[in-house]
Amino acid sequence: MVEVNIRKGEFGRIVVSFPYDPSVVTKIKAIEGRRWHPVEKHWSFTKLNGMLEKILKVFGDEEIYLDPALKSSTPKAKDTPSPLGGGPG
C-alpha cells in the first residue's frame, strides 16, 4: 500500500503525489484531465466536476492523506481516513 498525498495546489488545482509505484501510476492515468509535472514530481487536476471525489474513488484502497483545505469543500471527503490521525493499532 502506498501513501497518496492529496492537497490544494495553485490556481485552484488539486495536487496528487506519492512514492513511485507502477500500479498507482496506472490508477492515476485512469483519471481524465490529469497533468504530470516532472520537475515537481506530482500530478494535478482541475477542481471541477467532482474531480476530488473521482480521485478519492480511484485511490480508495490506498492510504490517503487529504489536505484539510480540501475536506471542507467536499462532503464525502470528510470521512476519508488520514494516516496522520490516531487510529486503532
Protein backbone atom coordinates (compact mmCIF):
# COMPACT_ATOMS: atom_id res chain seq x y z
CA MET A 1 0.00 0.00 0.00
CA VAL A 2 1.30 3.46 -0.96
CA GLU A 3 0.60 6.72 0.84
CA VAL A 4 -1.15 9.09 -1.55
CA ASN A 5 -0.98 12.79 -0.66
CA ILE A 6 -3.85 14.92 -1.99
CA ARG A 7 -3.56 18.65 -1.41
CA LYS A 8 -4.73 22.01 -2.63
CA GLY A 9 -2.46 23.39 -5.34
CA GLU A 10 -2.02 26.69 -7.11
CA PHE A 11 -4.63 28.14 -9.45
CA GLY A 12 -7.45 26.08 -7.98
CA ARG A 13 -5.90 22.73 -8.86
CA ILE A 14 -5.72 19.51 -6.85
CA VAL A 15 -2.20 18.10 -6.46
CA VAL A 16 -1.61 14.36 -6.03
CA SER A 17 1.77 12.89 -5.10
CA PHE A 18 3.03 9.51 -3.96
CA PRO A 19 6.20 7.41 -3.97
CA TYR A 20 6.67 5.80 -7.37
CA ASP A 21 4.69 2.60 -7.76
CA PRO A 22 3.68 1.33 -11.24
CA SER A 23 0.26 0.15 -10.05
CA VAL A 24 -0.53 3.57 -8.57
CA VAL A 25 0.63 5.30 -11.75
CA THR A 26 -1.79 3.07 -13.68
CA LYS A 27 -4.60 4.16 -11.34
CA ILE A 28 -3.89 7.87 -11.76
CA LYS A 29 -3.69 7.51 -15.53
CA ALA A 30 -7.27 6.20 -15.46
CA ILE A 31 -8.47 9.66 -14.36
CA GLU A 32 -9.16 12.05 -17.23
CA GLY A 33 -7.75 15.55 -17.08
CA ARG A 34 -4.55 14.64 -15.28
CA ARG A 35 -1.34 16.60 -15.80
CA TRP A 36 2.15 15.35 -14.85
CA HIS A 37 4.65 17.90 -13.51
CA PRO A 38 8.10 16.29 -13.99
CA VAL A 39 10.10 18.90 -12.07
CA GLU A 40 7.84 18.81 -9.01
CA LYS A 41 7.16 15.08 -9.47
CA HIS A 42 3.42 15.31 -8.89
CA TRP A 43 0.16 15.12 -10.80
CA SER A 44 -2.51 17.83 -10.86
CA PHE A 45 -6.18 18.08 -11.74
CA THR A 46 -8.73 20.86 -12.08
CA LYS A 47 -11.08 21.15 -9.14
CA LEU A 48 -14.14 20.96 -11.41
CA ASN A 49 -16.87 18.36 -12.00
CA GLY A 50 -16.43 16.35 -8.81
CA MET A 51 -12.78 15.68 -9.53
CA LEU A 52 -11.82 15.22 -5.87
CA GLU A 53 -14.48 12.53 -5.49
CA LYS A 54 -13.15 10.76 -8.61
CA ILE A 55 -9.60 10.84 -7.25
CA LEU A 56 -10.70 9.51 -3.85
CA LYS A 57 -12.65 6.71 -5.51
CA VAL A 58 -9.68 5.58 -7.62
CA PHE A 59 -7.36 5.57 -4.60
CA GLY A 60 -9.89 4.13 -2.16
CA ASP A 61 -7.71 1.12 -1.36
CA GLU A 62 -4.55 3.18 -0.75
CA GLU A 63 -3.52 5.07 2.38
CA ILE A 64 -4.66 8.65 1.75
CA TYR A 65 -3.60 11.90 3.36
CA LEU A 66 -6.14 14.57 2.43
CA ASP A 67 -5.31 18.25 2.91
CA PRO A 68 -7.83 19.73 5.40
CA ALA A 69 -8.33 22.64 2.97
CA LEU A 70 -9.88 20.17 0.52
CA LYS A 71 -12.00 18.34 3.11
CA SER A 72 -14.12 21.42 3.72
CA SER A 73 -15.01 21.67 0.04
CA THR A 74 -16.18 18.07 -0.35
CA PRO A 75 -18.74 16.45 1.96
CA LYS A 76 -17.65 12.90 1.03
CA ALA A 77 -14.01 13.69 1.77
CA LYS A 78 -14.73 14.46 5.43
CA ASP A 79 -14.84 10.73 6.19
CA THR A 80 -11.57 9.96 4.41
CA PRO A 81 -9.09 8.47 6.89
CA SER A 82 -5.74 10.17 7.33
CA PRO A 83 -2.61 8.23 8.18
CA LEU A 84 -1.67 11.09 10.48
CA GLY A 85 -4.77 10.66 12.61
CA GLY A 86 -4.82 8.30 15.59
CA GLY A 87 -6.49 5.04 14.79
CA PRO A 88 -6.58 1.50 16.10
CA GLY A 89 -3.29 -0.25 16.24
